[in-house]
Amino acid sequence: MFLNSSSSTTIFLPSFTFPPSTRVPALVFSTLTYLMIMCCNLMIVVTIALNHNLHKPMYLLLLNLPVCDMIGATAFFPQMISSMLYQPRVISYWACVVQALLTHTYGGGSLLILTAMAFDRYIAICSPLSYNTIMTNNNLIKIISGIWLTDTILIFTLIALAIRLKICQNTISDMYCNNPSLTKLACEGTHVNNFYGLFTIAFLQGISLAVILFTYLQILFTCVFKKQADARSKAIQTCGAHLIVFLFLEFNAFIALVAHRIETAPLFLRRALGVSVMIFPPLLNPLVYSFNTKEIRKHILQFLKRKTSPF
């Protein structure tokens, strides 16, 4: 039986298993978590935007990461919070499509932004004399535009291939809508979707891993074998936060993708890993950059002192 892919089509999501007595505390906790994610990421954006001495390629590239994290958090939390009040959890088909679109835009965008940031650090540390020549304003605009354009084309195509399918199911096994969940609603062949999905994963993961592996090996070579004290100090200050954020995102995303592709993986594990990708990177990224990036930390502390000062 075919279902009409319209706004009136209802998609059922897995219900929460916590007792009714804990529903309100869970609602409050989730709301506070979302607000904390938005406030912390917005603070990074505002700090970079309002301080002209942070208008450098490194920080302007970084500015895109909290924007991406806010997209991911907004794709996940509002729907989850609203559905805590009602059982069963439901969402319209097209709202599900939008959530999947934003979810994958967040994931792909994060990888591409971190890749561009690795390239920027590579030029700054390994070729400092050429940095201002390579990382000009025009080239920076091209890099940032290329990130979002590539991400948009890849993800829009991915979701467009999913919504072209006729659906004959209305139950999703994941805690939120994503491309695999949409594809599994179909009752016709999904070979093209599976192939393009694997291509998208291979493309994004392949580019990010290749660039970051190459750049960090070059940075390591410059710092260790050339024994440049300035380069070593700069690498520790600027690359530490980037590497922590990348490895954390990569670990969560890789485990979640593998669990999703293995049908024998326990359902609760697939759900937990999928949710972790949407919660922990957006929550921890601004904290990592706030504490590990000297310039950002200094401006945030100055801002907080001005707000708390009685004069």
C-alpha atoms as a PDB file:
ATOM      1  CA  MET A   1       0.000   0.000   0.000  1.00  0.00           C
ATOM      2  CA  PHE A   2       1.465   3.362  -1.066  1.00  0.00           C
ATOM      3  CA  LEU A   3       1.300   6.344   1.288  1.00  0.00           C
ATOM      4  CA  ASN A   4       0.985   9.866  -0.045  1.00  0.00           C
ATOM      5  CA  SER A   5       4.182  11.877   0.640  1.00  0.00           C
ATOM      6  CA  SER A   6       2.327  15.005   1.721  1.00  0.00           C
ATOM      7  CA  SER A   7       2.165  17.234   4.761  1.00  0.00           C
ATOM      8  CA  SER A   8      -0.806  15.154   5.997  1.00  0.00           C
ATOM      9  CA  THR A   9       1.266  11.954   6.101  1.00  0.00           C
ATOM     10  CA  THR A  10       2.176  11.187   9.691  1.00  0.00           C
ATOM     11  CA  ILE A  11       5.523   9.596  10.523  1.00  0.00           C
ATOM     12  CA  PHE A  12       5.853   7.786  13.859  1.00  0.00           C
ATOM     13  CA  LEU A  13       9.096   8.077  15.810  1.00  0.00           C
ATOM     14  CA  PRO A  14      10.226   5.800  18.675  1.00  0.00           C
ATOM     15  CA  SER A  15       8.586   6.680  21.973  1.00  0.00           C
ATOM     16  CA  PHE A  16      10.653   7.595  25.009  1.00  0.00           C
ATOM     17  CA  THR A  17      10.911   4.793  27.520  1.00  0.00           C
ATOM     18  CA  PHE A  18      11.374   6.842  30.704  1.00  0.00           C
ATOM     19  CA  PRO A  19       8.599   6.744  33.330  1.00  0.00           C
ATOM     20  CA  PRO A  20       5.927   9.474  33.262  1.00  0.00           C
ATOM     21  CA  SER A  21       7.253  10.877  36.553  1.00  0.00           C
ATOM     22  CA  THR A  22      10.587  11.738  34.904  1.00  0.00           C
ATOM     23  CA  ARG A  23       9.072  13.330  31.813  1.00  0.00           C
ATOM     24  CA  VAL A  24       9.108  16.903  33.165  1.00  0.00           C
ATOM     25  CA  PRO A  25      12.729  16.703  34.471  1.00  0.00           C
ATOM     26  CA  ALA A  26      13.790  15.262  31.098  1.00  0.00           C
ATOM     27  CA  LEU A  27      11.959  18.083  29.320  1.00  0.00           C
ATOM     28  CA  VAL A  28      13.653  20.722  31.490  1.00  0.00           C
ATOM     29  CA  PHE A  29      17.082  19.119  31.091  1.00  0.00           C
ATOM     30  CA  SER A  30      16.735  18.874  27.300  1.00  0.00           C
ATOM     31  CA  THR A  31      15.548  22.485  27.058  1.00  0.00           C
ATOM     32  CA  LEU A  32      18.459  23.729  29.177  1.00  0.00           C
ATOM     33  CA  THR A  33      20.903  21.674  27.092  1.00  0.00           C
ATOM     34  CA  TYR A  34      19.568  23.217  23.878  1.00  0.00           C
ATOM     35  CA  LEU A  35      19.719  26.731  25.325  1.00  0.00           C
ATOM     36  CA  MET A  36      23.268  26.130  26.529  1.00  0.00           C
ATOM     37  CA  ILE A  37      24.333  24.901  23.072  1.00  0.00           C
ATOM     38  CA  MET A  38      22.794  27.928  21.373  1.00  0.00           C
ATOM     39  CA  CYS A  39      24.196  30.447  23.885  1.00  0.00           C
ATOM     40  CA  CYS A  40      27.733  29.026  23.874  1.00  0.00           C
ATOM     41  CA  ASN A  41      27.921  28.804  20.094  1.00  0.00           C
ATOM     42  CA  LEU A  42      26.344  32.225  19.677  1.00  0.00           C
ATOM     43  CA  MET A  43      28.932  33.649  22.067  1.00  0.00           C
ATOM     44  CA  ILE A  44      31.729  32.372  19.805  1.00  0.00           C
ATOM     45  CA  VAL A  45      30.040  33.898  16.742  1.00  0.00           C
ATOM     46  CA  VAL A  46      29.462  37.269  18.425  1.00  0.00           C
ATOM     47  CA  THR A  47      32.988  37.347  19.902  1.00  0.00           C
ATOM     48  CA  ILE A  48      34.580  36.846  16.482  1.00  0.00           C
ATOM     49  CA  ALA A  49      32.141  39.157  14.691  1.00  0.00           C
ATOM     50  CA  LEU A  50      32.520  42.120  17.070  1.00  0.00           C
ATOM     51  CA  ASN A  51      36.307  42.038  17.570  1.00  0.00           C
ATOM     52  CA  HIS A  52      38.178  43.316  14.537  1.00  0.00           C
ATOM     53  CA  ASN A  53      41.481  41.799  15.646  1.00  0.00           C
ATOM     54  CA  LEU A  54      39.810  38.389  15.284  1.00  0.00           C
ATOM     55  CA  HIS A  55      38.906  39.073  11.653  1.00  0.00           C
ATOM     56  CA  LYS A  56      41.658  36.754  10.478  1.00  0.00           C
ATOM     57  CA  PRO A  57      41.314  33.657   8.263  1.00  0.00           C
ATOM     58  CA  MET A  58      41.707  31.266  11.192  1.00  0.00           C
ATOM     59  CA  TYR A  59      38.876  32.816  13.206  1.00  0.00           C
ATOM     60  CA  LEU A  60      36.615  33.586  10.236  1.00  0.00           C
ATOM     61  CA  LEU A  61      36.802  29.911   9.263  1.00  0.00           C
ATOM     62  CA  LEU A  62      36.120  28.977  12.884  1.00  0.00           C
ATOM     63  CA  LEU A  63      33.046  31.242  12.916  1.00  0.00           C
ATOM     64  CA  ASN A  64      31.359  28.828  10.495  1.00  0.00           C
ATOM     65  CA  LEU A  65      31.662  25.903  12.918  1.00  0.00           C
ATOM     66  CA  PRO A  66      29.333  27.257  15.650  1.00  0.00           C
ATOM     67  CA  VAL A  67      26.883  28.292  12.914  1.00  0.00           C
ATOM     68  CA  CYS A  68      26.927  24.689  11.711  1.00  0.00           C
ATOM     69  CA  ASP A  69      26.543  23.390  15.270  1.00  0.00           C
ATOM     70  CA  MET A  70      23.498  25.615  15.812  1.00  0.00           C
ATOM     71  CA  ILE A  71      21.939  24.215  12.623  1.00  0.00           C
ATOM     72  CA  GLY A  72      22.438  20.684  13.922  1.00  0.00           C
ATOM     73  CA  ALA A  73      21.096  21.458  17.393  1.00  0.00           C
ATOM     74  CA  THR A  74      18.045  23.248  15.981  1.00  0.00           C
ATOM     75  CA  ALA A  75      17.345  20.327  13.663  1.00  0.00           C
ATOM     76  CA  PHE A  76      17.285  17.932  16.610  1.00  0.00           C
ATOM     77  CA  PHE A  77      16.251  19.541  19.899  1.00  0.00           C
ATOM     78  CA  PRO A  78      13.002  21.491  19.228  1.00  0.00           C
ATOM     79  CA  GLN A  79      11.258  18.479  17.697  1.00  0.00           C
ATOM     80  CA  MET A  80      12.537  16.167  20.433  1.00  0.00           C
ATOM     81  CA  ILE A  81      11.525  18.550  23.228  1.00  0.00           C
ATOM     82  CA  SER A  82       8.026  19.117  21.835  1.00  0.00           C
ATOM     83  CA  SER A  83       7.488  15.387  21.345  1.00  0.00           C
ATOM     84  CA  MET A  84       8.321  14.650  24.997  1.00  0.00           C
ATOM     85  CA  LEU A  85       4.931  16.020  25.985  1.00  0.00           C
ATOM     86  CA  TYR A  86       2.948  13.727  23.723  1.00  0.00           C
ATOM     87  CA  GLN A  87       2.894  10.024  23.036  1.00  0.00           C
ATOM     88  CA  PRO A  88       3.196   8.556  20.514  1.00  0.00           C
ATOM     89  CA  ARG A  89       5.896  10.749  18.970  1.00  0.00           C
ATOM     90  CA  VAL A  90       4.803  11.899  15.517  1.00  0.00           C
ATOM     91  CA  ILE A  91       6.075  14.240  12.816  1.00  0.00           C
ATOM     92  CA  SER A  92       4.704  15.169   9.407  1.00  0.00           C
ATOM     93  CA  TYR A  93       6.506  13.737   6.378  1.00  0.00           C
ATOM     94  CA  TRP A  94       7.814  17.072   5.095  1.00  0.00           C
ATOM     95  CA  ALA A  95       8.898  18.181   8.574  1.00  0.00           C
ATOM     96  CA  CYS A  96      10.807  14.901   8.707  1.00  0.00           C
ATOM     97  CA  VAL A  97      12.418  15.739   5.354  1.00  0.00           C
ATOM     98  CA  VAL A  98      13.488  19.177   6.625  1.00  0.00           C
ATOM     99  CA  GLN A  99      14.945  17.637   9.774  1.00  0.00           C
ATOM    100  CA  ALA A 100      16.925  15.123   7.702  1.00  0.00           C
ATOM    101  CA  LEU A 101      18.147  17.908   5.410  1.00  0.00           C
ATOM    102  CA  LEU A 102      19.383  20.058   8.307  1.00  0.00           C
ATOM    103  CA  THR A 103      20.883  17.075  10.116  1.00  0.00           C
ATOM    104  CA  HIS A 104      23.045  16.042   7.172  1.00  0.00           C
ATOM    105  CA  THR A 105      23.904  19.671   6.347  1.00  0.00           C
ATOM    106  CA  TYR A 106      25.294  19.939   9.874  1.00  0.00           C
ATOM    107  CA  GLY A 107      27.328  16.735   9.568  1.00  0.00           C
ATOM    108  CA  GLY A 108      28.785  17.431   6.128  1.00  0.00           C
ATOM    109  CA  GLY A 109      29.403  21.094   6.887  1.00  0.00           C
ATOM    110  CA  SER A 110      31.303  20.299  10.095  1.00  0.00           C
ATOM    111  CA  LEU A 111      33.705  17.994   8.261  1.00  0.00           C
ATOM    112  CA  LEU A 112      34.354  20.480   5.446  1.00  0.00           C
ATOM    113  CA  ILE A 113      34.874  23.408   7.842  1.00  0.00           C
ATOM    114  CA  LEU A 114      37.351  21.439   9.958  1.00  0.00           C
ATOM    115  CA  THR A 115      39.167  20.400   6.766  1.00  0.00           C
ATOM    116  CA  ALA A 116      39.512  24.034   5.672  1.00  0.00           C
ATOM    117  CA  MET A 117      40.745  24.973   9.149  1.00  0.00           C
ATOM    118  CA  ALA A 118      43.429  22.262   8.957  1.00  0.00           C
ATOM    119  CA  PHE A 119      44.620  23.673   5.621  1.00  0.00           C
ATOM    120  CA  ASP A 120      44.779  27.169   7.137  1.00  0.00           C
ATOM    121  CA  ARG A 121      46.921  25.930  10.051  1.00  0.00           C
ATOM    122  CA  TYR A 122      49.182  24.033   7.652  1.00  0.00           C
ATOM    123  CA  ILE A 123      49.911  27.194   5.647  1.00  0.00           C
ATOM    124  CA  ALA A 124      50.376  29.305   8.804  1.00  0.00           C
ATOM    125  CA  ILE A 125      52.872  26.918  10.397  1.00  0.00           C
ATOM    126  CA  CYS A 126      54.658  25.300   7.448  1.00  0.00           C
ATOM    127  CA  SER A 127      54.730  28.288   5.060  1.00  0.00           C
ATOM    128  CA  PRO A 128      54.357  31.378   7.256  1.00  0.00           C
ATOM    129  CA  LEU A 129      55.989  33.700   4.697  1.00  0.00           C
ATOM    130  CA  SER A 130      53.386  32.729   2.087  1.00  0.00           C
ATOM    131  CA  TYR A 131      50.409  32.861   4.462  1.00  0.00           C
ATOM    132  CA  ASN A 132      49.239  36.390   3.651  1.00  0.00           C
ATOM    133  CA  THR A 133      49.664  35.724  -0.062  1.00  0.00           C
ATOM    134  CA  ILE A 134      47.641  32.503  -0.025  1.00  0.00           C
ATOM    135  CA  MET A 135      44.983  33.291   2.602  1.00  0.00           C
ATOM    136  CA  THR A 136      43.798  36.583   1.104  1.00  0.00           C
ATOM    137  CA  ASN A 137      40.266  37.878   1.650  1.00  0.00           C
ATOM    138  CA  ASN A 138      39.263  36.775  -1.854  1.00  0.00           C
ATOM    139  CA  ASN A 139      40.619  33.269  -1.349  1.00  0.00           C
ATOM    140  CA  LEU A 140      38.984  33.076   2.080  1.00  0.00           C
ATOM    141  CA  ILE A 141      35.609  34.004   0.577  1.00  0.00           C
ATOM    142  CA  LYS A 142      36.126  31.332  -2.096  1.00  0.00           C
ATOM    143  CA  ILE A 143      36.963  28.701   0.538  1.00  0.00           C
ATOM    144  CA  ILE A 144      33.959  29.510   2.749  1.00  0.00           C
ATOM    145  CA  SER A 145      31.609  29.727  -0.252  1.00  0.00           C
ATOM    146  CA  GLY A 146      32.996  26.447  -1.573  1.00  0.00           C
ATOM    147  CA  ILE A 147      32.368  24.746   1.775  1.00  0.00           C
ATOM    148  CA  TRP A 148      28.695  25.707   1.941  1.00  0.00           C
ATOM    149  CA  LEU A 149      28.056  25.229  -1.780  1.00  0.00           C
ATOM    150  CA  THR A 150      29.586  21.732  -1.783  1.00  0.00           C
ATOM    151  CA  ASP A 151      27.704  20.795   1.375  1.00  0.00           C
ATOM    152  CA  THR A 152      24.405  22.143   0.011  1.00  0.00           C
ATOM    153  CA  ILE A 153      24.692  20.362  -3.356  1.00  0.00           C
ATOM    154  CA  LEU A 154      25.677  17.024  -1.810  1.00  0.00           C
ATOM    155  CA  ILE A 155      22.974  17.033   0.859  1.00  0.00           C
ATOM    156  CA  PHE A 156      20.162  18.448  -1.288  1.00  0.00           C
ATOM    157  CA  THR A 157      20.853  15.721  -3.860  1.00  0.00           C
ATOM    158  CA  LEU A 158      20.923  13.096  -1.115  1.00  0.00           C
ATOM    159  CA  ILE A 159      17.524  14.135   0.264  1.00  0.00           C
ATOM    160  CA  ALA A 160      16.028  14.700  -3.217  1.00  0.00           C
ATOM    161  CA  LEU A 161      16.822  11.080  -4.077  1.00  0.00           C
ATOM    162  CA  ALA A 162      15.017   9.982  -0.898  1.00  0.00           C
ATOM    163  CA  ILE A 163      11.809  11.998  -1.406  1.00  0.00           C
ATOM    164  CA  ARG A 164      11.383  10.754  -4.994  1.00  0.00           C
ATOM    165  CA  LEU A 165      10.628   7.285  -3.611  1.00  0.00           C
ATOM    166  CA  LYS A 166       7.109   6.048  -2.970  1.00  0.00           C
ATOM    167  CA  ILE A 167       6.677   5.187   0.688  1.00  0.00           C
ATOM    168  CA  CYS A 168       4.591   2.395   2.140  1.00  0.00           C
ATOM    169  CA  GLN A 169       5.682   2.635   5.772  1.00  0.00           C
ATOM    170  CA  ASN A 170       5.235   5.365   8.329  1.00  0.00           C
ATOM    171  CA  THR A 171       7.450   4.249  11.219  1.00  0.00           C
ATOM    172  CA  ILE A 172      11.060   5.323  11.726  1.00  0.00           C
ATOM    173  CA  SER A 173      13.387   3.328  13.965  1.00  0.00           C
ATOM    174  CA  ASP A 174      15.795   6.193  14.731  1.00  0.00           C
ATOM    175  CA  MET A 175      15.159   8.894  17.324  1.00  0.00           C
ATOM    176  CA  TYR A 176      15.138  11.587  14.623  1.00  0.00           C
ATOM    177  CA  CYS A 177      14.748  11.767  10.847  1.00  0.00           C
ATOM    178  CA  ASN A 178      17.758  11.221   8.627  1.00  0.00           C
ATOM    179  CA  ASN A 179      18.466   9.933   5.140  1.00  0.00           C
ATOM    180  CA  PRO A 180      18.700   6.215   6.042  1.00  0.00           C
ATOM    181  CA  SER A 181      15.401   6.474   7.939  1.00  0.00           C
ATOM    182  CA  LEU A 182      13.650   8.169   5.006  1.00  0.00           C
ATOM    183  CA  THR A 183      15.028   5.605   2.576  1.00  0.00           C
ATOM    184  CA  LYS A 184      13.792   2.706   4.714  1.00  0.00           C
ATOM    185  CA  LEU A 185      10.219   4.035   4.409  1.00  0.00           C
ATOM    186  CA  ALA A 186      10.275   3.238   0.678  1.00  0.00           C
ATOM    187  CA  CYS A 187       8.744   0.164  -0.860  1.00  0.00           C
ATOM    188  CA  GLU A 188      10.730   0.288  -4.090  1.00  0.00           C
ATOM    189  CA  GLY A 189      14.365  -0.161  -5.080  1.00  0.00           C
ATOM    190  CA  THR A 190      16.860   2.035  -3.227  1.00  0.00           C
ATOM    191  CA  HIS A 191      20.060   1.005  -5.026  1.00  0.00           C
ATOM    192  CA  VAL A 192      20.665   4.522  -6.362  1.00  0.00           C
ATOM    193  CA  ASN A 193      20.117   5.996  -2.894  1.00  0.00           C
ATOM    194  CA  ASN A 194      22.466   3.494  -1.270  1.00  0.00           C
ATOM    195  CA  PHE A 195      25.170   4.102  -3.884  1.00  0.00           C
ATOM    196  CA  TYR A 196      24.928   7.895  -3.641  1.00  0.00           C
ATOM    197  CA  GLY A 197      24.820   7.741   0.166  1.00  0.00           C
ATOM    198  CA  LEU A 198      28.029   5.698   0.225  1.00  0.00           C
ATOM    199  CA  PHE A 199      29.580   8.070  -2.322  1.00  0.00           C
ATOM    200  CA  THR A 200      28.714  11.079  -0.143  1.00  0.00           C
ATOM    201  CA  ILE A 201      30.222   9.432   2.937  1.00  0.00           C
ATOM    202  CA  ALA A 202      33.353   8.391   1.025  1.00  0.00           C
ATOM    203  CA  PHE A 203      33.736  11.850  -0.526  1.00  0.00           C
ATOM    204  CA  LEU A 204      33.349  13.824   2.701  1.00  0.00           C
ATOM    205  CA  GLN A 205      35.294  11.406   4.867  1.00  0.00           C
ATOM    206  CA  GLY A 206      37.966  10.827   2.232  1.00  0.00           C
ATOM    207  CA  ILE A 207      38.667  14.531   1.662  1.00  0.00           C
ATOM    208  CA  SER A 208      38.656  15.415   5.357  1.00  0.00           C
ATOM    209  CA  LEU A 209      40.839  12.491   6.447  1.00  0.00           C
ATOM    210  CA  ALA A 210      43.309  12.924   3.578  1.00  0.00           C
ATOM    211  CA  VAL A 211      43.712  16.679   4.077  1.00  0.00           C
ATOM    212  CA  ILE A 212      43.914  16.528   7.866  1.00  0.00           C
ATOM    213  CA  LEU A 213      46.326  13.577   7.855  1.00  0.00           C
ATOM    214  CA  PHE A 214      48.587  15.315   5.319  1.00  0.00           C
ATOM    215  CA  THR A 215      48.502  18.704   7.036  1.00  0.00           C
ATOM    216  CA  TYR A 216      49.169  17.358  10.515  1.00  0.00           C
ATOM    217  CA  LEU A 217      52.035  15.167   9.320  1.00  0.00           C
ATOM    218  CA  GLN A 218      53.563  18.244   7.679  1.00  0.00           C
ATOM    219  CA  ILE A 219      53.008  20.283  10.847  1.00  0.00           C
ATOM    220  CA  LEU A 220      54.594  17.501  12.921  1.00  0.00           C
ATOM    221  CA  PHE A 221      57.574  17.382  10.560  1.00  0.00           C
ATOM    222  CA  THR A 222      58.010  21.160  10.763  1.00  0.00           C
ATOM    223  CA  CYS A 223      57.783  21.234  14.555  1.00  0.00           C
ATOM    224  CA  VAL A 224      59.890  18.181  15.392  1.00  0.00           C
ATOM    225  CA  PHE A 225      62.449  17.644  12.666  1.00  0.00           C
ATOM    226  CA  LYS A 226      63.134  21.290  11.853  1.00  0.00           C
ATOM    227  CA  LYS A 227      63.185  22.113  15.563  1.00  0.00           C
ATOM    228  CA  GLN A 228      61.372  25.398  15.163  1.00  0.00           C
ATOM    229  CA  ALA A 229      60.410  26.561  18.645  1.00  0.00           C
ATOM    230  CA  ASP A 230      57.993  29.203  17.343  1.00  0.00           C
ATOM    231  CA  ALA A 231      56.276  26.693  15.085  1.00  0.00           C
ATOM    232  CA  ARG A 232      55.963  24.192  17.920  1.00  0.00           C
ATOM    233  CA  SER A 233      54.412  26.769  20.246  1.00  0.00           C
ATOM    234  CA  LYS A 234      52.006  27.961  17.537  1.00  0.00           C
ATOM    235  CA  ALA A 235      51.005  24.398  16.685  1.00  0.00           C
ATOM    236  CA  ILE A 236      50.171  23.549  20.295  1.00  0.00           C
ATOM    237  CA  GLN A 237      48.108  26.722  20.735  1.00  0.00           C
ATOM    238  CA  THR A 238      46.173  26.627  17.469  1.00  0.00           C
ATOM    239  CA  CYS A 239      46.017  22.966  16.481  1.00  0.00           C
ATOM    240  CA  GLY A 240      45.172  21.351  19.818  1.00  0.00           C
ATOM    241  CA  ALA A 241      41.556  22.529  19.911  1.00  0.00           C
ATOM    242  CA  HIS A 242      41.061  21.746  16.216  1.00  0.00           C
ATOM    243  CA  LEU A 243      42.367  18.198  16.588  1.00  0.00           C
ATOM    244  CA  ILE A 244      40.234  17.524  19.677  1.00  0.00           C
ATOM    245  CA  VAL A 245      37.064  18.720  17.919  1.00  0.00           C
ATOM    246  CA  PHE A 246      37.823  16.778  14.731  1.00  0.00           C
ATOM    247  CA  LEU A 247      38.640  13.499  16.481  1.00  0.00           C
ATOM    248  CA  PHE A 248      35.560  13.766  18.688  1.00  0.00           C
ATOM    249  CA  LEU A 249      33.259  14.426  15.729  1.00  0.00           C
ATOM    250  CA  GLU A 250      34.926  11.755  13.618  1.00  0.00           C
ATOM    251  CA  PHE A 251      34.680   9.131  16.371  1.00  0.00           C
ATOM    252  CA  ASN A 252      30.981   9.790  17.016  1.00  0.00           C
ATOM    253  CA  ALA A 253      30.076   9.965  13.320  1.00  0.00           C
ATOM    254  CA  PHE A 254      32.090   6.885  12.302  1.00  0.00           C
ATOM    255  CA  ILE A 255      30.682   4.662  15.041  1.00  0.00           C
ATOM    256  CA  ALA A 256      27.126   5.855  14.307  1.00  0.00           C
ATOM    257  CA  LEU A 257      27.525   5.237  10.547  1.00  0.00           C
ATOM    258  CA  VAL A 258      28.974   1.764  11.068  1.00  0.00           C
ATOM    259  CA  ALA A 259      26.224   0.840  13.526  1.00  0.00           C
ATOM    260  CA  HIS A 260      23.595   2.058  11.036  1.00  0.00           C
ATOM    261  CA  ARG A 261      25.059  -0.009   8.205  1.00  0.00           C
ATOM    262  CA  ILE A 262      25.241  -3.191  10.301  1.00  0.00           C
ATOM    263  CA  GLU A 263      21.702  -4.520  10.515  1.00  0.00           C
ATOM    264  CA  THR A 264      22.619  -6.870  13.369  1.00  0.00           C
ATOM    265  CA  ALA A 265      23.691  -3.975  15.610  1.00  0.00           C
ATOM    266  CA  PRO A 266      21.375  -3.598  18.629  1.00  0.00           C
ATOM    267  CA  LEU A 267      18.634  -1.048  17.988  1.00  0.00           C
ATOM    268  CA  PHE A 268      19.224   0.819  21.243  1.00  0.00           C
ATOM    269  CA  LEU A 269      22.920   1.172  20.328  1.00  0.00           C
ATOM    270  CA  ARG A 270      22.116   2.655  16.911  1.00  0.00           C
ATOM    271  CA  ARG A 271      19.720   5.124  18.509  1.00  0.00           C
ATOM    272  CA  ALA A 272      22.120   6.141  21.283  1.00  0.00           C
ATOM    273  CA  LEU A 273      25.027   6.651  18.881  1.00  0.00           C
ATOM    274  CA  GLY A 274      22.863   8.624  16.471  1.00  0.00           C
ATOM    275  CA  VAL A 275      21.699  10.943  19.250  1.00  0.00           C
ATOM    276  CA  SER A 276      25.253  11.409  20.586  1.00  0.00           C
ATOM    277  CA  VAL A 277      26.376  12.906  17.250  1.00  0.00           C
ATOM    278  CA  MET A 278      23.626  15.523  17.493  1.00  0.00           C
ATOM    279  CA  ILE A 279      24.253  16.454  21.150  1.00  0.00           C
ATOM    280  CA  PHE A 280      27.894  16.218  22.178  1.00  0.00           C
ATOM    281  CA  PRO A 281      29.825  17.949  19.336  1.00  0.00           C
ATOM    282  CA  PRO A 282      27.604  21.083  19.352  1.00  0.00           C
ATOM    283  CA  LEU A 283      27.753  21.145  23.155  1.00  0.00           C
ATOM    284  CA  LEU A 284      31.492  20.606  23.584  1.00  0.00           C
ATOM    285  CA  ASN A 285      32.929  22.418  20.529  1.00  0.00           C
ATOM    286  CA  PRO A 286      32.414  25.985  21.837  1.00  0.00           C
ATOM    287  CA  LEU A 287      33.792  24.972  25.243  1.00  0.00           C
ATOM    288  CA  VAL A 288      36.909  23.461  23.658  1.00  0.00           C
ATOM    289  CA  TYR A 289      37.563  26.540  21.521  1.00  0.00           C
ATOM    290  CA  SER A 290      36.800  28.921  24.374  1.00  0.00           C
ATOM    291  CA  PHE A 291      39.317  27.310  26.727  1.00  0.00           C
ATOM    292  CA  ASN A 292      42.002  26.223  24.233  1.00  0.00           C
ATOM    293  CA  THR A 293      42.130  29.242  21.922  1.00  0.00           C
ATOM    294  CA  LYS A 294      43.935  32.078  23.701  1.00  0.00           C
ATOM    295  CA  GLU A 295      42.513  35.013  21.718  1.00  0.00           C
ATOM    296  CA  ILE A 296      38.905  33.875  21.936  1.00  0.00           C
ATOM    297  CA  ARG A 297      39.232  33.102  25.635  1.00  0.00           C
ATOM    298  CA  LYS A 298      40.726  36.550  26.286  1.00  0.00           C
ATOM    299  CA  HIS A 299      37.897  38.400  24.513  1.00  0.00           C
ATOM    300  CA  ILE A 300      35.173  36.313  26.161  1.00  0.00           C
ATOM    301  CA  LEU A 301      36.648  36.989  29.607  1.00  0.00           C
ATOM    302  CA  GLN A 302      36.887  40.705  28.833  1.00  0.00           C
ATOM    303  CA  PHE A 303      33.250  40.721  27.751  1.00  0.00           C
ATOM    304  CA  LEU A 304      32.129  38.885  30.911  1.00  0.00           C
ATOM    305  CA  LYS A 305      34.118  41.268  33.124  1.00  0.00           C
ATOM    306  CA  ARG A 306      32.446  44.276  31.529  1.00  0.00           C
ATOM    307  CA  LYS A 307      29.009  42.729  32.074  1.00  0.00           C
ATOM    308  CA  THR A 308      29.677  41.856  35.738  1.00  0.00           C
ATOM    309  CA  SER A 309      31.496  45.074  36.633  1.00  0.00           C
ATOM    310  CA  PRO A 310      29.320  47.473  38.725  1.00  0.00           C
ATOM    311  CA  PHE A 311      30.905  50.495  36.984  1.00  0.00           C
END
